Amino acid sequence: MDKQPSTRQLKVAREIQRDLAEIIRGKGMAVFEGAMVTVSEVRISPDLSIAKVYVSIFPSEKQGVVMGILKDNMKALRGELGRKVGKQLRIVPELAFYLDTSIDYAEHIEELLKK
């Protein structure tokens, strides 16, 4: 069973979510081939060394392409994040991007309910 995240983990995760969202928004939709990318959640490891970043991508047809772009630019994104949170955090966590499929799931349920 997973342990509840500490207050520090939650605060750091919120800060990283806010800063990464700002960095991604700053890059603009052109970088992500016209897709809208939203950082929906960040979960951070207890030692604050790994941040699991959950992103939702609209339209969903572009998910594969955008996930590839994010993975290819992981080092650069981590560097930008480091410049933003460097004063608060001793180590900038490694970033791992995951697709947040909750929106797709909700749309799927909505479609099923319409039938």
Protein backbone atom coordinates (compact mmCIF):
# COMPACT_ATOMS: atom_id res chain seq x y z
CA MET A 1 0.00 0.00 0.00
CA ASP A 2 1.28 3.47 -0.91
CA LYS A 3 2.28 5.79 1.88
CA GLN A 4 0.59 9.17 1.91
CA PRO A 5 2.89 11.87 0.53
CA SER A 6 4.39 14.21 3.12
CA THR A 7 3.46 17.89 3.30
CA ARG A 8 6.85 18.75 1.81
CA GLN A 9 6.29 16.34 -1.10
CA LEU A 10 2.89 17.91 -1.78
CA LYS A 11 4.30 21.47 -1.66
CA VAL A 12 7.21 20.62 -3.94
CA ALA A 13 4.90 18.76 -6.35
CA ARG A 14 2.54 21.77 -6.51
CA GLU A 15 5.45 24.14 -7.15
CA ILE A 16 6.85 21.91 -9.91
CA GLN A 17 3.39 21.55 -11.47
CA ARG A 18 2.92 25.32 -11.52
CA ASP A 19 6.40 26.03 -12.92
CA LEU A 20 6.33 23.27 -15.55
CA ALA A 21 2.88 24.39 -16.71
CA GLU A 22 4.28 27.91 -17.12
CA ILE A 23 7.34 26.62 -19.04
CA ILE A 24 5.19 24.49 -21.37
CA ARG A 25 2.67 27.30 -21.88
CA GLY A 26 5.58 29.65 -22.68
CA LYS A 27 6.77 27.35 -25.47
CA GLY A 28 3.44 27.73 -27.20
CA MET A 29 1.29 25.28 -29.12
CA ALA A 30 3.53 25.45 -32.21
CA VAL A 31 6.24 23.45 -30.42
CA PHE A 32 3.69 20.73 -29.68
CA GLU A 33 2.31 20.66 -33.24
CA GLY A 34 -0.82 22.61 -32.36
CA ALA A 35 -1.77 20.45 -29.37
CA MET A 36 -2.77 21.90 -26.04
CA VAL A 37 -0.65 20.43 -23.23
CA THR A 38 -1.78 20.68 -19.61
CA VAL A 39 0.21 19.54 -16.59
CA SER A 40 -2.60 17.86 -14.67
CA GLU A 41 -0.64 16.41 -11.76
CA VAL A 42 2.87 15.95 -10.39
CA ARG A 43 3.79 13.20 -7.95
CA ILE A 44 7.19 13.38 -6.34
CA SER A 45 9.22 10.60 -4.74
CA PRO A 46 9.82 10.76 -0.96
CA ASP A 47 13.47 11.79 -1.51
CA LEU A 48 12.33 14.48 -4.00
CA SER A 49 14.61 13.06 -6.72
CA ILE A 50 11.97 11.91 -9.23
CA ALA A 51 8.91 13.82 -10.38
CA LYS A 52 6.21 11.93 -12.26
CA VAL A 53 4.57 14.55 -14.45
CA TYR A 54 1.09 13.70 -15.73
CA VAL A 55 0.05 15.64 -18.81
CA SER A 56 -3.22 15.75 -20.67
CA ILE A 57 -3.05 16.46 -24.37
CA PHE A 58 -5.82 17.83 -26.57
CA PRO A 59 -6.65 16.73 -29.22
CA SER A 60 -5.95 13.16 -28.16
CA GLU A 61 -4.84 12.18 -31.70
CA LYS A 62 -1.62 14.11 -31.04
CA GLN A 63 -0.78 12.29 -27.79
CA GLY A 64 1.95 10.09 -29.27
CA VAL A 65 3.69 12.96 -31.05
CA VAL A 66 3.53 15.30 -28.05
CA MET A 67 4.76 12.64 -25.61
CA GLY A 68 7.72 12.11 -27.97
CA ILE A 69 8.45 15.85 -28.01
CA LEU A 70 8.28 16.01 -24.20
CA LYS A 71 10.59 13.00 -23.81
CA ASP A 72 13.06 14.41 -26.37
CA ASN A 73 13.16 17.74 -24.53
CA MET A 74 13.24 16.32 -20.99
CA LYS A 75 16.77 17.59 -20.24
CA ALA A 76 15.99 21.09 -21.51
CA LEU A 77 12.71 21.21 -19.55
CA ARG A 78 14.52 20.03 -16.40
CA GLY A 79 17.14 22.75 -16.96
CA GLU A 80 14.46 25.44 -17.25
CA LEU A 81 12.73 24.05 -14.19
CA GLY A 82 16.06 24.16 -12.35
CA ARG A 83 16.40 27.86 -13.09
CA LYS A 84 12.92 28.45 -11.64
CA VAL A 85 13.12 26.25 -8.50
CA GLY A 86 16.89 26.33 -7.95
CA LYS A 87 16.51 28.69 -5.02
CA GLN A 88 13.97 26.45 -3.24
CA LEU A 89 15.32 22.98 -4.06
CA ARG A 90 18.79 21.58 -3.59
CA ILE A 91 18.33 19.00 -6.34
CA VAL A 92 16.08 19.43 -9.34
CA PRO A 93 14.16 16.15 -9.67
CA GLU A 94 14.45 13.90 -12.71
CA LEU A 95 11.31 14.30 -14.81
CA ALA A 96 9.26 11.37 -16.05
CA PHE A 97 6.29 12.21 -18.29
CA TYR A 98 3.11 10.15 -18.23
CA LEU A 99 -0.07 10.56 -20.17
CA ASP A 100 -3.07 11.50 -18.04
CA THR A 101 -5.90 9.58 -19.64
CA SER A 102 -8.62 10.63 -17.21
CA ILE A 103 -10.10 13.09 -19.74
CA ASP A 104 -10.28 10.39 -22.42
CA TYR A 105 -11.83 8.06 -19.87
CA ALA A 106 -14.44 10.67 -18.93
CA GLU A 107 -15.26 11.28 -22.62
CA HIS A 108 -15.58 7.52 -23.16
CA ILE A 109 -17.99 7.20 -20.23
CA GLU A 110 -19.98 10.18 -21.53
CA GLU A 111 -20.26 8.50 -24.95
CA LEU A 112 -21.43 5.25 -23.33
CA LEU A 113 -24.05 7.11 -21.29
CA LYS A 114 -25.43 8.80 -24.41
CA LYS A 115 -26.21 5.41 -26.02
